[in-house]
């Protein structure tokens, strides 16, 4: 699913853009778009700041009363929101400002349905690629994009899960182990080790009945009975890699 936020103070323009996106979804049902509409930037910013909403893409008008699209985009970047932004506007005047806030595209109205569909197609393809290789984690109030291969292992610590990374850093996630595993299980290198650990097979340096030596220097002590399954998964993974 892709969350798309539309933001335009003119109801007619907002509905036109919404219709274009809905037409795209009719042709590409697999994209599974979740579209929310906003009549002003502050409403959108408030939801994101309160961590109630995090869009993958924002399609936003530049000329809005109160807070312009450029000002809203700057605030989003300061908040740590790295989502893609497409600006819609009646003038090319702010094109350079749009690049300054890392906008994905700057379109002058009236926007062609064909052009916006092409951009959506590109967006979906890039997101699919990124989602195969990265996770989006909420860390200290902002969204952090983490390369999957940088995760060495995950350890359950009470009601939180601790992810350990190759650079020696770590972060806590207030989710269940099942939720973390759901995110990681799509990648064949991750395997459960008892109820307390999820390990990345790429980062195992040594494997025995009593301990796992990870390449960041940490040692994990697997529960009794976990070794055989873990060893089987380990060799399956590397046999597939080499074949």
C-alpha atoms as a PDB file:
ATOM      1  CA  UNK A   1       0.000   0.000   0.000  1.00  0.00           C
ATOM      2  CA  UNK A   2       1.134   3.535  -0.792  1.00  0.00           C
ATOM      3  CA  UNK A   3      -0.150   6.478   1.225  1.00  0.00           C
ATOM      4  CA  UNK A   4      -0.596   9.567  -0.924  1.00  0.00           C
ATOM      5  CA  UNK A   5      -1.517  12.962   0.515  1.00  0.00           C
ATOM      6  CA  UNK A   6      -3.122  15.611  -1.718  1.00  0.00           C
ATOM      7  CA  UNK A   7      -2.913  19.185  -0.480  1.00  0.00           C
ATOM      8  CA  UNK A   8      -4.601  22.089  -2.301  1.00  0.00           C
ATOM      9  CA  UNK A   9      -6.698  24.954  -0.954  1.00  0.00           C
ATOM     10  CA  UNK A  10      -8.916  24.993  -4.081  1.00  0.00           C
ATOM     11  CA  UNK A  11     -11.560  22.269  -3.878  1.00  0.00           C
ATOM     12  CA  UNK A  12     -11.956  22.044  -7.651  1.00  0.00           C
ATOM     13  CA  UNK A  13      -8.219  21.532  -8.231  1.00  0.00           C
ATOM     14  CA  UNK A  14      -8.062  19.062  -5.360  1.00  0.00           C
ATOM     15  CA  UNK A  15     -10.871  16.997  -6.870  1.00  0.00           C
ATOM     16  CA  UNK A  16      -9.244  17.066 -10.324  1.00  0.00           C
ATOM     17  CA  UNK A  17      -6.002  15.674  -8.921  1.00  0.00           C
ATOM     18  CA  UNK A  18      -7.906  13.124  -6.862  1.00  0.00           C
ATOM     19  CA  UNK A  19      -9.727  11.961  -9.994  1.00  0.00           C
ATOM     20  CA  UNK A  20      -6.420  11.533 -11.855  1.00  0.00           C
ATOM     21  CA  UNK A  21      -5.048   9.399  -9.025  1.00  0.00           C
ATOM     22  CA  UNK A  22      -8.228   7.327  -8.827  1.00  0.00           C
ATOM     23  CA  UNK A  23      -8.078   6.751 -12.592  1.00  0.00           C
ATOM     24  CA  UNK A  24      -4.511   5.522 -12.172  1.00  0.00           C
ATOM     25  CA  UNK A  25      -5.586   3.107  -9.444  1.00  0.00           C
ATOM     26  CA  UNK A  26      -8.344   1.702 -11.671  1.00  0.00           C
ATOM     27  CA  UNK A  27      -5.688   0.784 -14.217  1.00  0.00           C
ATOM     28  CA  UNK A  28      -3.169  -0.402 -11.623  1.00  0.00           C
ATOM     29  CA  UNK A  29      -5.126  -2.011  -8.788  1.00  0.00           C
ATOM     30  CA  UNK A  30      -1.964  -3.729  -7.572  1.00  0.00           C
ATOM     31  CA  UNK A  31      -0.585  -0.315  -6.565  1.00  0.00           C
ATOM     32  CA  UNK A  32      -3.147  -0.163  -3.712  1.00  0.00           C
ATOM     33  CA  UNK A  33      -3.234   3.594  -3.168  1.00  0.00           C
ATOM     34  CA  UNK A  34      -4.511   5.076   0.091  1.00  0.00           C
ATOM     35  CA  UNK A  35      -5.322   8.710  -0.768  1.00  0.00           C
ATOM     36  CA  UNK A  36      -6.018  11.448   1.788  1.00  0.00           C
ATOM     37  CA  UNK A  37      -7.048  15.018   0.869  1.00  0.00           C
ATOM     38  CA  UNK A  38      -6.119  18.207   2.749  1.00  0.00           C
ATOM     39  CA  UNK A  39      -7.323  21.765   2.117  1.00  0.00           C
ATOM     40  CA  UNK A  40      -4.355  23.385   3.875  1.00  0.00           C
ATOM     41  CA  UNK A  41      -0.764  22.501   4.718  1.00  0.00           C
ATOM     42  CA  UNK A  42      -1.123  22.919   8.483  1.00  0.00           C
ATOM     43  CA  UNK A  43      -3.668  20.090   8.735  1.00  0.00           C
ATOM     44  CA  UNK A  44      -1.270  17.734   6.989  1.00  0.00           C
ATOM     45  CA  UNK A  45       1.753  18.883   9.000  1.00  0.00           C
ATOM     46  CA  UNK A  46      -0.096  18.482  12.292  1.00  0.00           C
ATOM     47  CA  UNK A  47      -0.952  14.843  11.601  1.00  0.00           C
ATOM     48  CA  UNK A  48       2.615  14.033  10.561  1.00  0.00           C
ATOM     49  CA  UNK A  49       4.103  15.879  13.536  1.00  0.00           C
ATOM     50  CA  UNK A  50       1.793  13.969  15.918  1.00  0.00           C
ATOM     51  CA  UNK A  51       2.979  10.710  14.282  1.00  0.00           C
ATOM     52  CA  UNK A  52      -0.606   9.873  13.314  1.00  0.00           C
ATOM     53  CA  UNK A  53       0.099   9.815   9.584  1.00  0.00           C
ATOM     54  CA  UNK A  54       3.119   9.288   7.339  1.00  0.00           C
ATOM     55  CA  UNK A  55       2.558   9.545   3.572  1.00  0.00           C
ATOM     56  CA  UNK A  56       4.861   7.981   1.006  1.00  0.00           C
ATOM     57  CA  UNK A  57       4.091  10.731  -1.511  1.00  0.00           C
ATOM     58  CA  UNK A  58       2.684  14.256  -1.183  1.00  0.00           C
ATOM     59  CA  UNK A  59       1.114  16.013  -4.184  1.00  0.00           C
ATOM     60  CA  UNK A  60       0.905  19.628  -3.069  1.00  0.00           C
ATOM     61  CA  UNK A  61      -0.022  23.027  -4.470  1.00  0.00           C
ATOM     62  CA  UNK A  62       2.595  25.732  -3.937  1.00  0.00           C
ATOM     63  CA  UNK A  63       0.310  28.767  -3.716  1.00  0.00           C
ATOM     64  CA  UNK A  64      -1.801  28.313  -0.595  1.00  0.00           C
ATOM     65  CA  UNK A  65      -2.889  30.918   1.983  1.00  0.00           C
ATOM     66  CA  UNK A  66      -1.254  30.778   5.393  1.00  0.00           C
ATOM     67  CA  UNK A  67       1.599  28.457   4.503  1.00  0.00           C
ATOM     68  CA  UNK A  68       2.903  27.881   1.002  1.00  0.00           C
ATOM     69  CA  UNK A  69       3.813  24.461  -0.303  1.00  0.00           C
ATOM     70  CA  UNK A  70       7.512  25.346  -0.229  1.00  0.00           C
ATOM     71  CA  UNK A  71       7.292  26.446   3.417  1.00  0.00           C
ATOM     72  CA  UNK A  72       5.392  23.265   4.278  1.00  0.00           C
ATOM     73  CA  UNK A  73       8.007  21.137   2.502  1.00  0.00           C
ATOM     74  CA  UNK A  74      10.829  22.803   4.425  1.00  0.00           C
ATOM     75  CA  UNK A  75       9.022  22.081   7.675  1.00  0.00           C
ATOM     76  CA  UNK A  76       8.482  18.465   6.642  1.00  0.00           C
ATOM     77  CA  UNK A  77      12.205  18.026   5.958  1.00  0.00           C
ATOM     78  CA  UNK A  78      13.049  19.601   9.330  1.00  0.00           C
ATOM     79  CA  UNK A  79      10.678  17.089  10.956  1.00  0.00           C
ATOM     80  CA  UNK A  80      12.616  14.251   9.329  1.00  0.00           C
ATOM     81  CA  UNK A  81       9.944  13.375   6.781  1.00  0.00           C
ATOM     82  CA  UNK A  82      11.742  12.027   3.719  1.00  0.00           C
ATOM     83  CA  UNK A  83       8.676  11.259   1.592  1.00  0.00           C
ATOM     84  CA  UNK A  84       8.591  12.244  -2.071  1.00  0.00           C
ATOM     85  CA  UNK A  85       6.917  15.538  -2.949  1.00  0.00           C
ATOM     86  CA  UNK A  86       5.345  16.588  -6.249  1.00  0.00           C
ATOM     87  CA  UNK A  87       4.509  20.292  -6.485  1.00  0.00           C
ATOM     88  CA  UNK A  88       1.591  21.553  -8.560  1.00  0.00           C
ATOM     89  CA  UNK A  89       1.524  25.254  -9.383  1.00  0.00           C
ATOM     90  CA  UNK A  90       0.370  27.899 -11.861  1.00  0.00           C
ATOM     91  CA  UNK A  91       3.850  29.436 -12.219  1.00  0.00           C
ATOM     92  CA  UNK A  92       7.457  28.336 -12.729  1.00  0.00           C
ATOM     93  CA  UNK A  93       8.607  31.055 -10.331  1.00  0.00           C
ATOM     94  CA  UNK A  94       9.448  28.690  -7.453  1.00  0.00           C
ATOM     95  CA  UNK A  95      11.050  25.899  -9.462  1.00  0.00           C
ATOM     96  CA  UNK A  96      14.497  26.390  -7.889  1.00  0.00           C
ATOM     97  CA  UNK A  97      12.970  26.493  -4.397  1.00  0.00           C
ATOM     98  CA  UNK A  98      11.314  23.155  -5.135  1.00  0.00           C
ATOM     99  CA  UNK A  99      14.684  21.549  -5.791  1.00  0.00           C
ATOM    100  CA  UNK A 100      15.933  23.057  -2.529  1.00  0.00           C
ATOM    101  CA  UNK A 101      13.473  20.907  -0.568  1.00  0.00           C
ATOM    102  CA  UNK A 102      14.257  17.778  -2.613  1.00  0.00           C
ATOM    103  CA  UNK A 103      10.992  17.752  -4.527  1.00  0.00           C
ATOM    104  CA  UNK A 104      10.582  14.819  -6.896  1.00  0.00           C
ATOM    105  CA  UNK A 105       8.830  16.913  -9.545  1.00  0.00           C
ATOM    106  CA  UNK A 106       7.479  20.386 -10.270  1.00  0.00           C
ATOM    107  CA  UNK A 107       4.396  20.459 -12.523  1.00  0.00           C
ATOM    108  CA  UNK A 108       2.672  23.529 -13.919  1.00  0.00           C
ATOM    109  CA  UNK A 109      -1.138  23.448 -13.962  1.00  0.00           C
ATOM    110  CA  UNK A 110      -3.239  22.321 -15.685  1.00  0.00           C
ATOM    111  CA  UNK A 111      -1.612  18.958 -15.064  1.00  0.00           C
ATOM    112  CA  UNK A 112      -1.937  16.336 -17.757  1.00  0.00           C
ATOM    113  CA  UNK A 113      -3.349  13.016 -16.577  1.00  0.00           C
ATOM    114  CA  UNK A 114      -0.811  11.220 -18.752  1.00  0.00           C
ATOM    115  CA  UNK A 115       2.107  13.086 -17.193  1.00  0.00           C
ATOM    116  CA  UNK A 116       0.952  12.508 -13.616  1.00  0.00           C
ATOM    117  CA  UNK A 117       0.311   8.832 -14.366  1.00  0.00           C
ATOM    118  CA  UNK A 118       3.862   8.515 -15.691  1.00  0.00           C
ATOM    119  CA  UNK A 119       5.185  10.078 -12.482  1.00  0.00           C
ATOM    120  CA  UNK A 120       3.068   7.736 -10.365  1.00  0.00           C
ATOM    121  CA  UNK A 121       4.359   4.767 -12.337  1.00  0.00           C
ATOM    122  CA  UNK A 122       7.931   5.891 -11.706  1.00  0.00           C
ATOM    123  CA  UNK A 123       7.175   6.504  -8.034  1.00  0.00           C
ATOM    124  CA  UNK A 124       5.644   3.028  -7.553  1.00  0.00           C
ATOM    125  CA  UNK A 125       8.562   1.329  -9.320  1.00  0.00           C
ATOM    126  CA  UNK A 126      11.128   3.176  -7.192  1.00  0.00           C
ATOM    127  CA  UNK A 127       9.225   2.472  -4.003  1.00  0.00           C
ATOM    128  CA  UNK A 128       8.984  -1.219  -4.859  1.00  0.00           C
ATOM    129  CA  UNK A 129      12.731  -1.278  -5.395  1.00  0.00           C
ATOM    130  CA  UNK A 130      13.412   0.597  -2.173  1.00  0.00           C
ATOM    131  CA  UNK A 131      11.066  -1.558  -0.124  1.00  0.00           C
ATOM    132  CA  UNK A 132      12.938  -4.650  -1.213  1.00  0.00           C
ATOM    133  CA  UNK A 133      16.146  -3.244   0.238  1.00  0.00           C
ATOM    134  CA  UNK A 134      15.165  -0.854   3.018  1.00  0.00           C
ATOM    135  CA  UNK A 135      12.968  -0.571   6.090  1.00  0.00           C
ATOM    136  CA  UNK A 136      11.418   2.651   7.345  1.00  0.00           C
ATOM    137  CA  UNK A 137      11.829   2.868  11.132  1.00  0.00           C
ATOM    138  CA  UNK A 138      10.684   5.561  13.529  1.00  0.00           C
ATOM    139  CA  UNK A 139      13.751   6.619  15.522  1.00  0.00           C
ATOM    140  CA  UNK A 140      13.662   9.450  18.086  1.00  0.00           C
ATOM    141  CA  UNK A 141      10.634  11.104  16.544  1.00  0.00           C
ATOM    142  CA  UNK A 142      11.776  10.963  12.927  1.00  0.00           C
ATOM    143  CA  UNK A 143      11.678   8.407  10.134  1.00  0.00           C
ATOM    144  CA  UNK A 144      14.956   6.625   9.418  1.00  0.00           C
ATOM    145  CA  UNK A 145      15.494   4.578   6.264  1.00  0.00           C
ATOM    146  CA  UNK A 146      17.625   1.545   7.120  1.00  0.00           C
ATOM    147  CA  UNK A 147      19.363  -0.718   4.633  1.00  0.00           C
ATOM    148  CA  UNK A 148      18.285  -4.293   5.363  1.00  0.00           C
ATOM    149  CA  UNK A 149      21.832  -5.621   5.112  1.00  0.00           C
ATOM    150  CA  UNK A 150      22.943  -3.179   7.829  1.00  0.00           C
ATOM    151  CA  UNK A 151      20.787  -5.001  10.402  1.00  0.00           C
ATOM    152  CA  UNK A 152      22.920  -7.589  12.219  1.00  0.00           C
ATOM    153  CA  UNK A 153      20.200  -8.918  14.519  1.00  0.00           C
ATOM    154  CA  UNK A 154      17.163  -8.001  16.577  1.00  0.00           C
ATOM    155  CA  UNK A 155      16.742  -8.758  20.279  1.00  0.00           C
ATOM    156  CA  UNK A 156      13.540  -8.678  22.332  1.00  0.00           C
ATOM    157  CA  UNK A 157      13.902  -6.469  25.402  1.00  0.00           C
ATOM    158  CA  UNK A 158      10.653  -6.557  27.328  1.00  0.00           C
ATOM    159  CA  UNK A 159       7.982  -4.709  25.365  1.00  0.00           C
ATOM    160  CA  UNK A 160      10.498  -3.254  22.926  1.00  0.00           C
ATOM    161  CA  UNK A 161      12.739  -4.729  20.246  1.00  0.00           C
ATOM    162  CA  UNK A 162      16.362  -3.645  19.840  1.00  0.00           C
ATOM    163  CA  UNK A 163      17.921  -3.605  16.374  1.00  0.00           C
ATOM    164  CA  UNK A 164      21.727  -3.789  16.171  1.00  0.00           C
ATOM    165  CA  UNK A 165      23.486  -2.363  13.114  1.00  0.00           C
ATOM    166  CA  UNK A 166      26.804  -2.948  11.373  1.00  0.00           C
ATOM    167  CA  UNK A 167      28.121   0.502  12.363  1.00  0.00           C
ATOM    168  CA  UNK A 168      27.783  -0.354  16.055  1.00  0.00           C
ATOM    169  CA  UNK A 169      24.632   1.690  16.595  1.00  0.00           C
ATOM    170  CA  UNK A 170      21.302   0.331  17.780  1.00  0.00           C
ATOM    171  CA  UNK A 171      17.717   1.512  18.106  1.00  0.00           C
ATOM    172  CA  UNK A 172      14.646   0.512  20.079  1.00  0.00           C
ATOM    173  CA  UNK A 173      11.293  -0.116  18.417  1.00  0.00           C
ATOM    174  CA  UNK A 174       8.094  -0.133  20.459  1.00  0.00           C
ATOM    175  CA  UNK A 175       6.529  -3.003  18.531  1.00  0.00           C
ATOM    176  CA  UNK A 176       6.185  -6.729  19.100  1.00  0.00           C
ATOM    177  CA  UNK A 177       8.716  -9.279  17.947  1.00  0.00           C
ATOM    178  CA  UNK A 178       6.022 -10.665  15.626  1.00  0.00           C
ATOM    179  CA  UNK A 179       5.672  -7.254  13.963  1.00  0.00           C
ATOM    180  CA  UNK A 180       9.421  -6.906  13.457  1.00  0.00           C
ATOM    181  CA  UNK A 181       9.590 -10.423  12.046  1.00  0.00           C
ATOM    182  CA  UNK A 182       6.730  -9.667   9.659  1.00  0.00           C
ATOM    183  CA  UNK A 183       8.813  -6.809   8.243  1.00  0.00           C
ATOM    184  CA  UNK A 184      12.012  -8.859   8.000  1.00  0.00           C
ATOM    185  CA  UNK A 185      10.670 -12.284   6.983  1.00  0.00           C
ATOM    186  CA  UNK A 186      10.309 -11.202   3.340  1.00  0.00           C
ATOM    187  CA  UNK A 187      14.125 -11.215   3.192  1.00  0.00           C
ATOM    188  CA  UNK A 188      15.551 -14.735   3.095  1.00  0.00           C
ATOM    189  CA  UNK A 189      18.606 -13.790   5.167  1.00  0.00           C
ATOM    190  CA  UNK A 190      16.566 -13.262   8.341  1.00  0.00           C
ATOM    191  CA  UNK A 191      15.630 -16.168  10.589  1.00  0.00           C
ATOM    192  CA  UNK A 192      14.112 -16.511  14.054  1.00  0.00           C
ATOM    193  CA  UNK A 193      16.369 -17.835  16.796  1.00  0.00           C
ATOM    194  CA  UNK A 194      14.099 -18.829  19.637  1.00  0.00           C
ATOM    195  CA  UNK A 195      11.557 -16.250  20.798  1.00  0.00           C
ATOM    196  CA  UNK A 196      14.058 -13.516  21.662  1.00  0.00           C
ATOM    197  CA  UNK A 197      16.153 -13.091  18.492  1.00  0.00           C
ATOM    198  CA  UNK A 198      15.955 -12.545  14.760  1.00  0.00           C
ATOM    199  CA  UNK A 199      19.381 -12.893  13.134  1.00  0.00           C
ATOM    200  CA  UNK A 200      20.762 -11.920   9.754  1.00  0.00           C
ATOM    201  CA  UNK A 201      22.492 -14.972   8.276  1.00  0.00           C
ATOM    202  CA  UNK A 202      24.813 -12.656   6.325  1.00  0.00           C
ATOM    203  CA  UNK A 203      26.363 -11.504   9.600  1.00  0.00           C
ATOM    204  CA  UNK A 204      26.984 -14.851  11.311  1.00  0.00           C
ATOM    205  CA  UNK A 205      30.714 -15.538  11.672  1.00  0.00           C
ATOM    206  CA  UNK A 206      30.511 -18.639  13.830  1.00  0.00           C
ATOM    207  CA  UNK A 207      27.749 -21.114  14.636  1.00  0.00           C
ATOM    208  CA  UNK A 208      27.651 -23.794  17.335  1.00  0.00           C
ATOM    209  CA  UNK A 209      25.119 -25.427  19.632  1.00  0.00           C
ATOM    210  CA  UNK A 210      25.947 -22.998  22.404  1.00  0.00           C
ATOM    211  CA  UNK A 211      26.478 -19.684  20.664  1.00  0.00           C
ATOM    212  CA  UNK A 212      26.301 -17.573  17.540  1.00  0.00           C
ATOM    213  CA  UNK A 213      29.192 -15.230  16.868  1.00  0.00           C
ATOM    214  CA  UNK A 214      28.043 -12.217  14.868  1.00  0.00           C
ATOM    215  CA  UNK A 215      30.448 -10.195  12.731  1.00  0.00           C
ATOM    216  CA  UNK A 216      29.938  -7.096  14.896  1.00  0.00           C
ATOM    217  CA  UNK A 217      31.547  -9.016  17.793  1.00  0.00           C
ATOM    218  CA  UNK A 218      28.316  -9.781  19.666  1.00  0.00           C
ATOM    219  CA  UNK A 219      27.580 -13.288  20.887  1.00  0.00           C
ATOM    220  CA  UNK A 220      24.045 -14.711  20.920  1.00  0.00           C
ATOM    221  CA  UNK A 221      23.184 -17.747  23.022  1.00  0.00           C
ATOM    222  CA  UNK A 222      20.437 -19.690  21.228  1.00  0.00           C
ATOM    223  CA  UNK A 223      17.876 -21.626  23.267  1.00  0.00           C
ATOM    224  CA  UNK A 224      18.073 -25.405  23.498  1.00  0.00           C
ATOM    225  CA  UNK A 225      16.707 -27.038  20.368  1.00  0.00           C
ATOM    226  CA  UNK A 226      17.208 -23.997  18.117  1.00  0.00           C
ATOM    227  CA  UNK A 227      20.613 -25.014  16.759  1.00  0.00           C
ATOM    228  CA  UNK A 228      19.528 -27.712  14.268  1.00  0.00           C
ATOM    229  CA  UNK A 229      16.902 -25.525  12.596  1.00  0.00           C
ATOM    230  CA  UNK A 230      19.234 -22.563  12.524  1.00  0.00           C
ATOM    231  CA  UNK A 231      22.084 -24.591  11.048  1.00  0.00           C
ATOM    232  CA  UNK A 232      19.764 -25.993   8.367  1.00  0.00           C
ATOM    233  CA  UNK A 233      18.566 -22.502   7.391  1.00  0.00           C
ATOM    234  CA  UNK A 234      22.158 -21.246   7.388  1.00  0.00           C
ATOM    235  CA  UNK A 235      23.373 -23.866   4.922  1.00  0.00           C
ATOM    236  CA  UNK A 236      20.226 -23.617   2.781  1.00  0.00           C
ATOM    237  CA  UNK A 237      20.803 -19.886   2.447  1.00  0.00           C
ATOM    238  CA  UNK A 238      24.436 -20.179   1.415  1.00  0.00           C
ATOM    239  CA  UNK A 239      23.817 -23.096  -0.946  1.00  0.00           C
ATOM    240  CA  UNK A 240      21.161 -21.025  -2.718  1.00  0.00           C
ATOM    241  CA  UNK A 241      23.509 -18.034  -2.833  1.00  0.00           C
ATOM    242  CA  UNK A 242      26.241 -20.072  -4.494  1.00  0.00           C
ATOM    243  CA  UNK A 243      24.026 -21.931  -6.979  1.00  0.00           C
END
